[in-house]
Amino acid sequence: MPEGVRATITTTLTRSAQVLLQVTIVLLILKDFSTVLSFCIRNILIMAVFVILYIAIGHLVGGPGLPDRITLGITTPLASAL
């Protein structure tokens, strides 16, 4: 496959995945907005601190490559939430 075609396909798929992820996040927030509002502000701040902490830890131990650090930084809080 020619390099130009491969780059075009990669760019298109990456943008599509990013848009799909953003739409999914917005829909989840809208669906569960009443549940989020039922939490007190202290609980929300504690959750935010833990997420930021997990992102930092994942980023720090992710290895030498920036894509690896970003991926591990994002997936660490997700794995901890499950």
N, C-alpha and C. Protein backbone atom coordinates (compact mmCIF):
# COMPACT_ATOMS: atom_id res chain seq x y z
N MET A 1 0.86 -1.17 0.00
CA MET A 1 0.00 0.00 0.00
C MET A 1 0.91 1.24 0.00
N PRO A 2 0.64 2.20 -0.87
CA PRO A 2 1.47 3.42 -0.92
C PRO A 2 1.40 4.20 0.40
N GLU A 3 2.50 4.88 0.70
CA GLU A 3 2.62 5.61 1.97
C GLU A 3 1.55 6.70 2.10
N GLY A 4 1.24 7.39 1.01
CA GLY A 4 0.24 8.47 1.06
C GLY A 4 -1.14 7.95 1.41
N VAL A 5 -1.49 6.80 0.84
CA VAL A 5 -2.81 6.20 1.12
C VAL A 5 -2.85 5.74 2.58
N ARG A 6 -1.77 5.13 3.03
CA ARG A 6 -1.70 4.67 4.41
C ARG A 6 -1.84 5.84 5.39
N ALA A 7 -1.17 6.95 5.10
CA ALA A 7 -1.25 8.12 5.97
C ALA A 7 -2.66 8.70 5.98
N THR A 8 -3.30 8.73 4.82
CA THR A 8 -4.67 9.25 4.74
C THR A 8 -5.64 8.39 5.54
N ILE A 9 -5.50 7.08 5.40
CA ILE A 9 -6.37 6.17 6.14
C ILE A 9 -6.13 6.30 7.64
N THR A 10 -4.87 6.37 8.04
CA THR A 10 -4.54 6.51 9.45
C THR A 10 -5.11 7.79 10.03
N THR A 11 -4.95 8.90 9.32
CA THR A 11 -5.46 10.18 9.79
C THR A 11 -6.98 10.15 9.91
N THR A 12 -7.63 9.60 8.91
CA THR A 12 -9.10 9.53 8.92
C THR A 12 -9.60 8.67 10.07
N LEU A 13 -8.99 7.51 10.27
CA LEU A 13 -9.43 6.64 11.36
C LEU A 13 -9.15 7.25 12.72
N THR A 14 -8.02 7.92 12.85
CA THR A 14 -7.68 8.56 14.13
C THR A 14 -8.69 9.65 14.46
N ARG A 15 -8.99 10.49 13.51
CA ARG A 15 -9.97 11.56 13.76
C ARG A 15 -11.35 11.00 14.06
N SER A 16 -11.74 9.96 13.33
CA SER A 16 -13.05 9.35 13.57
C SER A 16 -13.12 8.76 14.97
N ALA A 17 -12.06 8.10 15.40
CA ALA A 17 -12.03 7.52 16.74
C ALA A 17 -12.08 8.60 17.81
N GLN A 18 -11.37 9.70 17.60
CA GLN A 18 -11.39 10.80 18.57
C GLN A 18 -12.78 11.41 18.68
N VAL A 19 -13.43 11.62 17.55
CA VAL A 19 -14.78 12.19 17.57
C VAL A 19 -15.75 11.23 18.25
N LEU A 20 -15.65 9.95 17.92
CA LEU A 20 -16.53 8.95 18.54
C LEU A 20 -16.32 8.89 20.05
N LEU A 21 -15.07 8.95 20.49
CA LEU A 21 -14.79 8.95 21.93
C LEU A 21 -15.36 10.18 22.61
N GLN A 22 -15.20 11.35 22.00
CA GLN A 22 -15.73 12.58 22.59
C GLN A 22 -17.26 12.56 22.66
N VAL A 23 -17.89 12.09 21.60
CA VAL A 23 -19.36 12.00 21.61
C VAL A 23 -19.83 11.03 22.68
N THR A 24 -19.14 9.90 22.82
CA THR A 24 -19.51 8.92 23.83
C THR A 24 -19.38 9.50 25.24
N ILE A 25 -18.30 10.22 25.48
CA ILE A 25 -18.10 10.83 26.80
C ILE A 25 -19.19 11.84 27.10
N VAL A 26 -19.52 12.69 26.13
CA VAL A 26 -20.58 13.69 26.34
C VAL A 26 -21.91 13.00 26.61
N LEU A 27 -22.24 11.95 25.85
CA LEU A 27 -23.50 11.25 26.07
C LEU A 27 -23.54 10.58 27.44
N LEU A 28 -22.43 10.01 27.87
CA LEU A 28 -22.40 9.40 29.20
C LEU A 28 -22.57 10.44 30.31
N ILE A 29 -21.94 11.59 30.12
CA ILE A 29 -22.08 12.65 31.12
C ILE A 29 -23.53 13.14 31.17
N LEU A 30 -24.13 13.33 30.01
CA LEU A 30 -25.53 13.79 29.99
C LEU A 30 -26.47 12.75 30.59
N LYS A 31 -26.21 11.47 30.31
CA LYS A 31 -27.06 10.41 30.85
C LYS A 31 -26.99 10.35 32.37
N ASP A 32 -25.80 10.48 32.91
CA ASP A 32 -25.61 10.34 34.35
C ASP A 32 -25.45 11.66 35.08
N PHE A 33 -25.89 12.75 34.48
CA PHE A 33 -25.71 14.07 35.08
C PHE A 33 -26.42 14.20 36.42
N SER A 34 -27.61 13.64 36.52
CA SER A 34 -28.35 13.73 37.79
C SER A 34 -27.63 12.97 38.90
N THR A 35 -27.00 11.86 38.56
CA THR A 35 -26.24 11.10 39.55
C THR A 35 -25.03 11.90 40.02
N VAL A 36 -24.35 12.55 39.07
CA VAL A 36 -23.20 13.38 39.43
C VAL A 36 -23.62 14.52 40.33
N LEU A 37 -24.76 15.13 40.06
CA LEU A 37 -25.23 16.23 40.89
C LEU A 37 -25.61 15.79 42.30
N SER A 38 -25.94 14.51 42.45
CA SER A 38 -26.32 14.04 43.78
C SER A 38 -25.11 13.88 44.70
N PHE A 39 -23.90 13.81 44.12
CA PHE A 39 -22.68 13.76 44.94
C PHE A 39 -22.41 15.14 45.52
N CYS A 40 -21.81 15.15 46.67
CA CYS A 40 -21.40 16.45 47.20
C CYS A 40 -20.07 16.84 46.53
N ILE A 41 -19.74 18.10 46.58
CA ILE A 41 -18.56 18.62 45.88
C ILE A 41 -17.28 18.00 46.41
N ARG A 42 -17.26 17.64 47.68
CA ARG A 42 -16.08 17.02 48.27
C ARG A 42 -15.78 15.68 47.60
N ASN A 43 -16.80 14.87 47.36
CA ASN A 43 -16.61 13.57 46.71
C ASN A 43 -16.11 13.73 45.28
N ILE A 44 -16.64 14.71 44.58
CA ILE A 44 -16.21 14.95 43.20
C ILE A 44 -14.74 15.38 43.18
N LEU A 45 -14.35 16.24 44.10
CA LEU A 45 -12.96 16.68 44.16
C LEU A 45 -12.01 15.53 44.51
N ILE A 46 -12.43 14.66 45.41
CA ILE A 46 -11.61 13.51 45.77
C ILE A 46 -11.43 12.59 44.57
N MET A 47 -12.50 12.35 43.82
CA MET A 47 -12.38 11.52 42.62
C MET A 47 -11.46 12.17 41.59
N ALA A 48 -11.56 13.48 41.42
CA ALA A 48 -10.70 14.18 40.46
C ALA A 48 -9.23 14.09 40.87
N VAL A 49 -8.96 14.19 42.17
CA VAL A 49 -7.58 14.08 42.65
C VAL A 49 -7.03 12.68 42.36
N PHE A 50 -7.83 11.64 42.60
CA PHE A 50 -7.38 10.29 42.32
C PHE A 50 -7.13 10.08 40.83
N VAL A 51 -8.00 10.58 39.98
CA VAL A 51 -7.81 10.43 38.54
C VAL A 51 -6.53 11.13 38.10
N ILE A 52 -6.31 12.34 38.58
CA ILE A 52 -5.09 13.08 38.23
C ILE A 52 -3.85 12.33 38.75
N LEU A 53 -3.94 11.79 39.93
CA LEU A 53 -2.83 11.02 40.50
C LEU A 53 -2.54 9.78 39.65
N TYR A 54 -3.58 9.05 39.27
CA TYR A 54 -3.39 7.86 38.45
C TYR A 54 -2.83 8.21 37.07
N ILE A 55 -3.28 9.31 36.49
CA ILE A 55 -2.74 9.73 35.19
C ILE A 55 -1.26 10.06 35.33
N ALA A 56 -0.89 10.76 36.38
CA ALA A 56 0.52 11.11 36.60
C ALA A 56 1.37 9.86 36.80
N ILE A 57 0.89 8.91 37.59
CA ILE A 57 1.65 7.68 37.83
C ILE A 57 1.80 6.89 36.53
N GLY A 58 0.72 6.75 35.78
CA GLY A 58 0.79 6.04 34.51
C GLY A 58 1.74 6.70 33.53
N HIS A 59 1.74 8.02 33.52
CA HIS A 59 2.62 8.76 32.62
C HIS A 59 4.08 8.60 33.03
N LEU A 60 4.34 8.59 34.32
CA LEU A 60 5.72 8.49 34.81
C LEU A 60 6.33 7.10 34.58
N VAL A 61 5.53 6.05 34.68
CA VAL A 61 6.07 4.70 34.53
C VAL A 61 5.85 4.14 33.13
N GLY A 62 5.43 4.96 32.20
CA GLY A 62 5.06 4.50 30.86
C GLY A 62 6.20 4.18 29.94
N GLY A 63 7.42 4.46 30.31
CA GLY A 63 8.54 4.14 29.43
C GLY A 63 9.07 5.36 28.71
N PRO A 64 10.04 5.16 27.82
CA PRO A 64 10.71 6.29 27.19
C PRO A 64 9.90 6.96 26.07
N GLY A 65 9.01 6.24 25.43
CA GLY A 65 8.27 6.80 24.31
C GLY A 65 7.06 7.60 24.76
N LEU A 66 6.87 8.78 24.17
CA LEU A 66 5.73 9.62 24.54
C LEU A 66 4.39 8.94 24.29
N PRO A 67 4.19 8.25 23.14
CA PRO A 67 2.90 7.57 22.96
C PRO A 67 2.63 6.52 24.02
N ASP A 68 3.68 5.82 24.45
CA ASP A 68 3.50 4.81 25.51
C ASP A 68 3.11 5.46 26.83
N ARG A 69 3.76 6.57 27.16
CA ARG A 69 3.44 7.27 28.42
C ARG A 69 2.02 7.81 28.39
N ILE A 70 1.61 8.37 27.26
CA ILE A 70 0.25 8.91 27.16
C ILE A 70 -0.77 7.79 27.29
N THR A 71 -0.54 6.68 26.59
CA THR A 71 -1.48 5.55 26.64
C THR A 71 -1.58 4.98 28.04
N LEU A 72 -0.47 4.77 28.69
CA LEU A 72 -0.50 4.23 30.05
C LEU A 72 -1.10 5.23 31.02
N GLY A 73 -0.83 6.52 30.80
CA GLY A 73 -1.41 7.55 31.65
C GLY A 73 -2.93 7.57 31.56
N ILE A 74 -3.46 7.31 30.38
CA ILE A 74 -4.91 7.32 30.19
C ILE A 74 -5.54 6.03 30.71
N THR A 75 -4.88 4.89 30.47
CA THR A 75 -5.49 3.61 30.84
C THR A 75 -5.36 3.28 32.31
N THR A 76 -4.42 3.86 33.03
CA THR A 76 -4.27 3.55 34.46
C THR A 76 -5.50 3.91 35.27
N PRO A 77 -6.05 5.15 35.14
CA PRO A 77 -7.26 5.42 35.92
C PRO A 77 -8.46 4.59 35.45
N LEU A 78 -8.49 4.24 34.17
CA LEU A 78 -9.60 3.42 33.69
C LEU A 78 -9.56 2.02 34.31
N ALA A 79 -8.36 1.44 34.39
CA ALA A 79 -8.22 0.13 35.00
C ALA A 79 -8.52 0.18 36.49
N SER A 80 -8.16 1.26 37.13
CA SER A 80 -8.41 1.40 38.57
C SER A 80 -9.89 1.61 38.85
N ALA A 81 -10.63 2.18 37.91
CA ALA A 81 -12.05 2.42 38.11
C ALA A 81 -12.86 1.13 38.00
N LEU A 82 -12.32 0.17 37.28
CA LEU A 82 -13.06 -1.08 37.10
C LEU A 82 -12.80 -1.96 38.28
